[in-house]
Amino acid sequence: MSTNVEATAAEIEQLRVGDNAPGLAQLALTLAATLDGKDGATAKANAGRELRAVLESLRKLAPVATETDRVDELAKRREDGRVRARRA
């Protein structure tokens, strides 16, 4: 089972926001470490709530994924063919 720090670091890496918002990324890791620590339940509850808010902010800063599927590829090829036909 992974720790909260590992899971948070993986999410930050997946979102590719570590370089754009290093302070928020570090805060998220610090809060995750608090959750993994031996602090009391109240401290962990507060850290969990704050971690959720920080991760939400990081998700908003994440670049939009540019995933394409087979239909997108076919549409692009079709449009490219139309452009070439207009030029001919």
C-alpha atoms as a PDB file:
ATOM      1  CA  MET A   1       0.000   0.000   0.000  1.00  0.00           C
ATOM      2  CA  SER A   2       1.387   3.403  -0.945  1.00  0.00           C
ATOM      3  CA  THR A   3       1.662   6.281   1.452  1.00  0.00           C
ATOM      4  CA  ASN A   4      -0.170   9.560   1.088  1.00  0.00           C
ATOM      5  CA  VAL A   5       3.107  11.239   0.159  1.00  0.00           C
ATOM      6  CA  GLU A   6       3.724   8.740  -2.650  1.00  0.00           C
ATOM      7  CA  ALA A   7       0.169   9.072  -3.948  1.00  0.00           C
ATOM      8  CA  THR A   8       0.310  12.866  -3.813  1.00  0.00           C
ATOM      9  CA  ALA A   9       3.695  12.970  -5.551  1.00  0.00           C
ATOM     10  CA  ALA A  10       2.362  10.670  -8.272  1.00  0.00           C
ATOM     11  CA  GLU A  11      -0.661  12.900  -8.819  1.00  0.00           C
ATOM     12  CA  ILE A  12       1.493  16.034  -8.984  1.00  0.00           C
ATOM     13  CA  GLU A  13       3.719  14.319 -11.548  1.00  0.00           C
ATOM     14  CA  GLN A  14       0.739  13.141 -13.574  1.00  0.00           C
ATOM     15  CA  LEU A  15      -0.774  16.643 -13.563  1.00  0.00           C
ATOM     16  CA  ARG A  16       2.599  18.155 -14.567  1.00  0.00           C
ATOM     17  CA  VAL A  17       2.169  21.133 -12.228  1.00  0.00           C
ATOM     18  CA  GLY A  18       5.275  20.811 -10.056  1.00  0.00           C
ATOM     19  CA  ASP A  19       7.221  23.362 -12.100  1.00  0.00           C
ATOM     20  CA  ASN A  20       4.299  25.754 -12.539  1.00  0.00           C
ATOM     21  CA  ALA A  21       3.321  25.900  -8.870  1.00  0.00           C
ATOM     22  CA  PRO A  22       6.230  24.594  -6.797  1.00  0.00           C
ATOM     23  CA  GLY A  23       4.923  26.132  -3.576  1.00  0.00           C
ATOM     24  CA  LEU A  24       1.524  24.491  -3.851  1.00  0.00           C
ATOM     25  CA  ALA A  25       3.127  21.199  -4.832  1.00  0.00           C
ATOM     26  CA  GLN A  26       5.420  21.302  -1.792  1.00  0.00           C
ATOM     27  CA  LEU A  27       2.504  22.244   0.458  1.00  0.00           C
ATOM     28  CA  ALA A  28       0.565  19.237  -0.835  1.00  0.00           C
ATOM     29  CA  LEU A  29       3.497  16.937  -0.067  1.00  0.00           C
ATOM     30  CA  THR A  30       3.895  18.421   3.427  1.00  0.00           C
ATOM     31  CA  LEU A  31       0.201  17.942   4.154  1.00  0.00           C
ATOM     32  CA  ALA A  32       0.383  14.376   2.856  1.00  0.00           C
ATOM     33  CA  ALA A  33       3.340  13.739   5.175  1.00  0.00           C
ATOM     34  CA  THR A  34       1.217  14.996   8.073  1.00  0.00           C
ATOM     35  CA  LEU A  35      -1.431  12.443   7.167  1.00  0.00           C
ATOM     36  CA  ASP A  36       1.207   9.707   7.173  1.00  0.00           C
ATOM     37  CA  GLY A  37       2.678  10.884  10.493  1.00  0.00           C
ATOM     38  CA  LYS A  38       1.785  10.022  14.049  1.00  0.00           C
ATOM     39  CA  ASP A  39      -0.215  13.181  14.754  1.00  0.00           C
ATOM     40  CA  GLY A  40      -3.651  12.968  16.313  1.00  0.00           C
ATOM     41  CA  ALA A  41      -6.937  12.507  14.521  1.00  0.00           C
ATOM     42  CA  THR A  42      -7.790  16.211  14.595  1.00  0.00           C
ATOM     43  CA  ALA A  43      -4.502  17.196  12.965  1.00  0.00           C
ATOM     44  CA  LYS A  44      -4.962  14.511  10.318  1.00  0.00           C
ATOM     45  CA  ALA A  45      -8.525  15.623   9.618  1.00  0.00           C
ATOM     46  CA  ASN A  46      -7.401  19.221   9.182  1.00  0.00           C
ATOM     47  CA  ALA A  47      -4.470  18.189   6.994  1.00  0.00           C
ATOM     48  CA  GLY A  48      -6.743  15.999   4.866  1.00  0.00           C
ATOM     49  CA  ARG A  49      -9.198  18.825   4.306  1.00  0.00           C
ATOM     50  CA  GLU A  50      -6.403  21.225   3.354  1.00  0.00           C
ATOM     51  CA  LEU A  51      -4.730  18.632   1.128  1.00  0.00           C
ATOM     52  CA  ARG A  52      -7.965  18.146  -0.760  1.00  0.00           C
ATOM     53  CA  ALA A  53      -8.234  21.925  -1.321  1.00  0.00           C
ATOM     54  CA  VAL A  54      -4.599  22.229  -2.451  1.00  0.00           C
ATOM     55  CA  LEU A  55      -4.935  19.308  -4.868  1.00  0.00           C
ATOM     56  CA  GLU A  56      -8.082  20.899  -6.287  1.00  0.00           C
ATOM     57  CA  SER A  57      -6.109  24.097  -6.905  1.00  0.00           C
ATOM     58  CA  LEU A  58      -3.316  22.119  -8.565  1.00  0.00           C
ATOM     59  CA  ARG A  59      -5.810  20.337 -10.825  1.00  0.00           C
ATOM     60  CA  LYS A  60      -7.104  23.723 -11.996  1.00  0.00           C
ATOM     61  CA  LEU A  61      -3.549  24.734 -12.921  1.00  0.00           C
ATOM     62  CA  ALA A  62      -2.862  21.532 -14.849  1.00  0.00           C
ATOM     63  CA  PRO A  63      -2.504  21.872 -18.627  1.00  0.00           C
ATOM     64  CA  VAL A  64      -5.354  20.466 -20.645  1.00  0.00           C
ATOM     65  CA  ALA A  65      -4.597  16.975 -21.872  1.00  0.00           C
ATOM     66  CA  THR A  66      -4.476  16.624 -25.630  1.00  0.00           C
ATOM     67  CA  GLU A  67      -5.557  13.051 -26.032  1.00  0.00           C
ATOM     68  CA  THR A  68      -6.679  12.014 -29.460  1.00  0.00           C
ATOM     69  CA  ASP A  69      -8.526   8.922 -30.473  1.00  0.00           C
ATOM     70  CA  ARG A  70      -8.999   7.150 -33.785  1.00  0.00           C
ATOM     71  CA  VAL A  71     -11.949   9.360 -34.780  1.00  0.00           C
ATOM     72  CA  ASP A  72      -9.887  12.526 -34.175  1.00  0.00           C
ATOM     73  CA  GLU A  73      -7.058  11.121 -36.295  1.00  0.00           C
ATOM     74  CA  LEU A  74      -9.438  10.298 -39.155  1.00  0.00           C
ATOM     75  CA  ALA A  75     -11.022  13.760 -38.993  1.00  0.00           C
ATOM     76  CA  LYS A  76      -7.582  15.394 -39.135  1.00  0.00           C
ATOM     77  CA  ARG A  77      -6.523  13.293 -42.119  1.00  0.00           C
ATOM     78  CA  ARG A  78      -9.777  14.146 -43.868  1.00  0.00           C
ATOM     79  CA  GLU A  79      -9.281  17.858 -43.242  1.00  0.00           C
ATOM     80  CA  ASP A  80      -5.660  17.634 -44.438  1.00  0.00           C
ATOM     81  CA  GLY A  81      -6.907  15.984 -47.640  1.00  0.00           C
ATOM     82  CA  ARG A  82      -9.400  18.780 -48.189  1.00  0.00           C
ATOM     83  CA  VAL A  83      -6.703  21.410 -47.742  1.00  0.00           C
ATOM     84  CA  ARG A  84      -4.462  19.652 -50.270  1.00  0.00           C
ATOM     85  CA  ALA A  85      -7.389  19.354 -52.717  1.00  0.00           C
ATOM     86  CA  ARG A  86      -8.076  23.105 -52.464  1.00  0.00           C
ATOM     87  CA  ARG A  87      -4.434  23.897 -53.213  1.00  0.00           C
ATOM     88  CA  ALA A  88      -4.349  21.666 -56.291  1.00  0.00           C
END
